[in-house]
PDB file of N, CA and C in Angstrom:
ATOM      1  N   UNK A   1       0.654  -1.070   0.122  1.00  0.00           N
ATOM      2  CA  UNK A   1       0.152   0.223   0.247  1.00  0.00           C
ATOM      3  C   UNK A   1       1.100   1.400   0.254  1.00  0.00           C
ATOM      4  N   UNK A   2       1.687   1.508   0.745  1.00  0.00           N
ATOM      5  CA  UNK A   2       2.630   2.515   0.892  1.00  0.00           C
ATOM      6  C   UNK A   2       3.149   2.826  -0.510  1.00  0.00           C
ATOM      7  N   UNK A   3       3.907   1.783  -0.455  1.00  0.00           N
ATOM      8  CA  UNK A   3       5.081   2.057  -2.200  1.00  0.00           C
ATOM      9  C   UNK A   3       3.855   2.525  -3.225  1.00  0.00           C
ATOM     10  N   UNK A   4       2.499   1.627  -3.131  1.00  0.00           N
ATOM     11  CA  UNK A   4       2.161   1.923  -4.768  1.00  0.00           C
ATOM     12  C   UNK A   4       1.402   3.465  -3.985  1.00  0.00           C
ATOM     13  N   UNK A   5       1.515   4.769  -3.034  1.00  0.00           N
ATOM     14  CA  UNK A   5       0.954   5.262  -2.370  1.00  0.00           C
ATOM     15  C   UNK A   5      -0.828   5.217  -2.785  1.00  0.00           C
ATOM     16  N   UNK A   6      -1.355   4.064  -1.824  1.00  0.00           N
ATOM     17  CA  UNK A   6      -1.911   4.126  -1.826  1.00  0.00           C
ATOM     18  C   UNK A   6      -3.255   4.034  -0.028  1.00  0.00           C
ATOM     19  N   UNK A   7      -2.037   5.008   0.470  1.00  0.00           N
ATOM     20  CA  UNK A   7      -2.775   4.424   2.375  1.00  0.00           C
ATOM     21  C   UNK A   7      -1.993   6.562   2.009  1.00  0.00           C
ATOM     22  N   UNK A   8      -2.606   6.507   3.268  1.00  0.00           N
ATOM     23  CA  UNK A   8      -2.050   7.757   3.808  1.00  0.00           C
ATOM     24  C   UNK A   8      -0.820   7.828   4.763  1.00  0.00           C
ATOM     25  N   UNK A   9      -0.064   8.678   5.208  1.00  0.00           N
ATOM     26  CA  UNK A   9       1.568   8.297   6.166  1.00  0.00           C
ATOM     27  C   UNK A   9       1.424   9.142   6.894  1.00  0.00           C
ATOM     28  N   UNK A  10       1.344   9.781   8.211  1.00  0.00           N
ATOM     29  CA  UNK A  10       1.511  10.575   8.664  1.00  0.00           C
ATOM     30  C   UNK A  10       2.517  10.501   9.422  1.00  0.00           C
ATOM     31  N   UNK A  11       4.214  10.893   8.836  1.00  0.00           N
ATOM     32  CA  UNK A  11       5.449  10.885   9.539  1.00  0.00           C
ATOM     33  C   UNK A  11       6.107  12.109  10.728  1.00  0.00           C
ATOM     34  N   UNK A  12       6.744  11.674  11.502  1.00  0.00           N
ATOM     35  CA  UNK A  12       7.172  12.483  12.411  1.00  0.00           C
ATOM     36  C   UNK A  12       8.664  12.189  12.178  1.00  0.00           C
ATOM     37  N   UNK A  13       9.291  13.348  12.810  1.00  0.00           N
ATOM     38  CA  UNK A  13      11.289  13.531  12.691  1.00  0.00           C
ATOM     39  C   UNK A  13      11.587  14.063  11.862  1.00  0.00           C
ATOM     40  N   UNK A  14      13.085  14.652  12.457  1.00  0.00           N
ATOM     41  CA  UNK A  14      13.556  14.924  11.081  1.00  0.00           C
ATOM     42  C   UNK A  14      14.244  14.196   9.890  1.00  0.00           C
ATOM     43  N   UNK A  15      13.522  14.808   8.354  1.00  0.00           N
ATOM     44  CA  UNK A  15      13.373  14.634   7.379  1.00  0.00           C
ATOM     45  C   UNK A  15      12.760  13.624   7.253  1.00  0.00           C
ATOM     46  N   UNK A  16      11.369  13.205   7.564  1.00  0.00           N
ATOM     47  CA  UNK A  16      10.442  12.798   7.405  1.00  0.00           C
ATOM     48  C   UNK A  16       9.501  13.101   7.037  1.00  0.00           C
ATOM     49  N   UNK A  17       8.548  12.633   4.907  1.00  0.00           N
ATOM     50  CA  UNK A  17       7.470  13.011   4.775  1.00  0.00           C
ATOM     51  C   UNK A  17       6.342  12.769   4.803  1.00  0.00           C
ATOM     52  N   UNK A  18       5.178  13.589   5.289  1.00  0.00           N
ATOM     53  CA  UNK A  18       3.602  13.336   5.273  1.00  0.00           C
ATOM     54  C   UNK A  18       3.234  13.222   4.207  1.00  0.00           C
ATOM     55  N   UNK A  19       2.609  12.065   3.950  1.00  0.00           N
ATOM     56  CA  UNK A  19       1.580  11.736   2.899  1.00  0.00           C
ATOM     57  C   UNK A  19       0.153  11.476   2.859  1.00  0.00           C
ATOM     58  N   UNK A  20      -0.070  12.764   2.358  1.00  0.00           N
ATOM     59  CA  UNK A  20      -2.522  12.430   2.328  1.00  0.00           C
ATOM     60  C   UNK A  20      -2.327  12.303   0.960  1.00  0.00           C
ATOM     61  N   UNK A  21      -3.151  10.989   0.843  1.00  0.00           N
ATOM     62  CA  UNK A  21      -4.285  10.785  -0.453  1.00  0.00           C
ATOM     63  C   UNK A  21      -5.507  11.317  -0.106  1.00  0.00           C
ATOM     64  N   UNK A  22      -5.846  12.369  -1.207  1.00  0.00           N
ATOM     65  CA  UNK A  22      -7.701  12.887  -1.769  1.00  0.00           C
ATOM     66  C   UNK A  22      -8.509  12.065  -2.132  1.00  0.00           C
ATOM     67  N   UNK A  23      -9.539  12.115  -2.494  1.00  0.00           N
ATOM     68  CA  UNK A  23     -10.227  11.458  -3.391  1.00  0.00           C
ATOM     69  C   UNK A  23     -10.040  11.836  -4.541  1.00  0.00           C
ATOM     70  N   UNK A  24      -9.739  10.735  -5.989  1.00  0.00           N
ATOM     71  CA  UNK A  24     -10.126  11.490  -7.242  1.00  0.00           C
ATOM     72  C   UNK A  24      -8.191  10.965  -7.239  1.00  0.00           C
ATOM     73  N   UNK A  25      -6.985  10.567  -6.379  1.00  0.00           N
ATOM     74  CA  UNK A  25      -6.311  10.157  -6.988  1.00  0.00           C
ATOM     75  C   UNK A  25      -5.121  11.374  -6.203  1.00  0.00           C
ATOM     76  N   UNK A  26      -5.492  12.752  -5.926  1.00  0.00           N
ATOM     77  CA  UNK A  26      -4.653  13.535  -5.394  1.00  0.00           C
ATOM     78  C   UNK A  26      -4.038  13.024  -4.385  1.00  0.00           C
ATOM     79  N   UNK A  27      -2.786  13.398  -4.709  1.00  0.00           N
ATOM     80  CA  UNK A  27      -1.639  13.212  -3.462  1.00  0.00           C
ATOM     81  C   UNK A  27      -1.432  14.544  -2.867  1.00  0.00           C
ATOM     82  N   UNK A  28      -0.452  14.904  -2.271  1.00  0.00           N
ATOM     83  CA  UNK A  28      -0.399  16.203  -0.840  1.00  0.00           C
ATOM     84  C   UNK A  28       0.964  15.448  -0.284  1.00  0.00           C
ATOM     85  N   UNK A  29       1.556  16.448   0.150  1.00  0.00           N
ATOM     86  CA  UNK A  29       3.494  15.980   0.955  1.00  0.00           C
ATOM     87  C   UNK A  29       3.419  16.783   2.192  1.00  0.00           C
ATOM     88  N   UNK A  30       3.865  16.927   3.327  1.00  0.00           N
ATOM     89  CA  UNK A  30       4.578  17.970   3.918  1.00  0.00           C
ATOM     90  C   UNK A  30       6.029  17.231   4.039  1.00  0.00           C
ATOM     91  N   UNK A  31       6.789  17.917   3.990  1.00  0.00           N
ATOM     92  CA  UNK A  31       7.541  17.405   4.298  1.00  0.00           C
ATOM     93  C   UNK A  31       8.527  18.094   5.990  1.00  0.00           C
ATOM     94  N   UNK A  32       9.160  17.828   6.783  1.00  0.00           N
ATOM     95  CA  UNK A  32       9.698  17.645   7.001  1.00  0.00           C
ATOM     96  C   UNK A  32      11.899  18.274   7.166  1.00  0.00           C
ATOM     97  N   UNK A  33      12.122  19.203   7.567  1.00  0.00           N
ATOM     98  CA  UNK A  33      13.886  19.915   7.607  1.00  0.00           C
ATOM     99  C   UNK A  33      14.455  18.085   8.218  1.00  0.00           C
ATOM    100  N   UNK A  34      15.512  18.261   7.525  1.00  0.00           N
ATOM    101  CA  UNK A  34      16.618  17.355   7.892  1.00  0.00           C
ATOM    102  C   UNK A  34      17.209  17.463   8.649  1.00  0.00           C
ATOM    103  N   UNK A  35      17.794  18.262   8.866  1.00  0.00           N
ATOM    104  CA  UNK A  35      19.376  19.730  10.147  1.00  0.00           C
ATOM    105  C   UNK A  35      18.441  19.268  11.481  1.00  0.00           C
ATOM    106  N   UNK A  36      19.140  17.938  12.560  1.00  0.00           N
ATOM    107  CA  UNK A  36      18.061  17.750  13.310  1.00  0.00           C
ATOM    108  C   UNK A  36      17.939  19.517  14.305  1.00  0.00           C
ATOM    109  N   UNK A  37      18.672  20.114  14.373  1.00  0.00           N
ATOM    110  CA  UNK A  37      18.949  21.030  14.957  1.00  0.00           C
ATOM    111  C   UNK A  37      17.646  22.402  14.532  1.00  0.00           C
ATOM    112  N   UNK A  38      17.527  22.176  13.231  1.00  0.00           N
ATOM    113  CA  UNK A  38      16.569  23.213  12.825  1.00  0.00           C
ATOM    114  C   UNK A  38      15.107  22.593  12.624  1.00  0.00           C
ATOM    115  N   UNK A  39      15.361  21.551  12.806  1.00  0.00           N
ATOM    116  CA  UNK A  39      13.838  20.444  13.174  1.00  0.00           C
ATOM    117  C   UNK A  39      12.829  20.618  14.341  1.00  0.00           C
ATOM    118  N   UNK A  40      14.610  20.659  15.666  1.00  0.00           N
ATOM    119  CA  UNK A  40      13.610  21.187  16.843  1.00  0.00           C
ATOM    120  C   UNK A  40      13.519  22.705  16.757  1.00  0.00           C
ATOM    121  N   UNK A  41      14.191  23.542  16.659  1.00  0.00           N
ATOM    122  CA  UNK A  41      13.920  24.875  16.317  1.00  0.00           C
ATOM    123  C   UNK A  41      12.439  25.194  16.329  1.00  0.00           C
ATOM    124  N   UNK A  42      12.094  24.257  14.710  1.00  0.00           N
ATOM    125  CA  UNK A  42      11.017  25.220  13.578  1.00  0.00           C
ATOM    126  C   UNK A  42       9.332  23.477  13.926  1.00  0.00           C
ATOM    127  N   UNK A  43      10.154  22.960  15.618  1.00  0.00           N
ATOM    128  CA  UNK A  43       8.651  22.254  15.229  1.00  0.00           C
ATOM    129  C   UNK A  43       7.365  22.531  15.684  1.00  0.00           C
ATOM    130  N   UNK A  44       6.720  23.582  15.988  1.00  0.00           N
ATOM    131  CA  UNK A  44       5.771  24.284  15.898  1.00  0.00           C
ATOM    132  C   UNK A  44       5.339  23.617  14.906  1.00  0.00           C
ATOM    133  N   UNK A  45       5.948  24.993  14.173  1.00  0.00           N
ATOM    134  CA  UNK A  45       5.800  24.888  12.245  1.00  0.00           C
ATOM    135  C   UNK A  45       5.796  23.839  11.858  1.00  0.00           C
ATOM    136  N   UNK A  46       6.548  22.503  11.485  1.00  0.00           N
ATOM    137  CA  UNK A  46       6.208  21.013  10.785  1.00  0.00           C
ATOM    138  C   UNK A  46       4.975  20.798  11.481  1.00  0.00           C
ATOM    139  N   UNK A  47       4.697  20.837  12.789  1.00  0.00           N
ATOM    140  CA  UNK A  47       2.855  20.333  13.324  1.00  0.00           C
ATOM    141  C   UNK A  47       2.287  21.436  12.427  1.00  0.00           C
ATOM    142  N   UNK A  48       2.170  22.539  12.258  1.00  0.00           N
ATOM    143  CA  UNK A  48       1.117  23.094  12.666  1.00  0.00           C
ATOM    144  C   UNK A  48       0.660  23.765  10.937  1.00  0.00           C
ATOM    145  N   UNK A  49       1.851  22.467   9.482  1.00  0.00           N
ATOM    146  CA  UNK A  49       1.711  22.727   8.275  1.00  0.00           C
ATOM    147  C   UNK A  49       1.244  20.982   8.440  1.00  0.00           C
ATOM    148  N   UNK A  50       1.250  19.698   8.719  1.00  0.00           N
ATOM    149  CA  UNK A  50       0.191  18.458   9.182  1.00  0.00           C
ATOM    150  C   UNK A  50      -0.035  18.620   9.359  1.00  0.00           C
ATOM    151  N   UNK A  51      -1.134  19.084  10.600  1.00  0.00           N
ATOM    152  CA  UNK A  51      -1.924  19.304  11.271  1.00  0.00           C
ATOM    153  C   UNK A  51      -3.614  20.005  10.082  1.00  0.00           C
ATOM    154  N   UNK A  52      -2.768  20.805   9.488  1.00  0.00           N
ATOM    155  CA  UNK A  52      -3.134  21.592   8.034  1.00  0.00           C
ATOM    156  C   UNK A  52      -3.545  20.991   6.991  1.00  0.00           C
ATOM    157  N   UNK A  53      -2.691  19.818   6.974  1.00  0.00           N
ATOM    158  CA  UNK A  53      -2.442  18.624   5.282  1.00  0.00           C
ATOM    159  C   UNK A  53      -3.381  17.704   6.182  1.00  0.00           C
ATOM    160  N   UNK A  54      -4.016  17.166   7.287  1.00  0.00           N
ATOM    161  CA  UNK A  54      -4.595  16.371   7.636  1.00  0.00           C
ATOM    162  C   UNK A  54      -6.182  16.399   7.729  1.00  0.00           C
ATOM    163  N   UNK A  55      -6.084  17.706   8.299  1.00  0.00           N
ATOM    164  CA  UNK A  55      -7.293  18.016   8.906  1.00  0.00           C
ATOM    165  C   UNK A  55      -8.541  18.056   9.917  1.00  0.00           C
TER     166      UNK A  55
END
């Protein structure tokens, strides 16, 4: 399911990507920064982006 992009994935941590599938085969992604120090400093931004995407 994951490899065929048929499942929503909610990812946590530096360098991960959340992927949301919508009706009509539309896919949207939200990536987290890879650098751990930047991730820690911007974690609230990453959470809010995923909250909006996952609705």
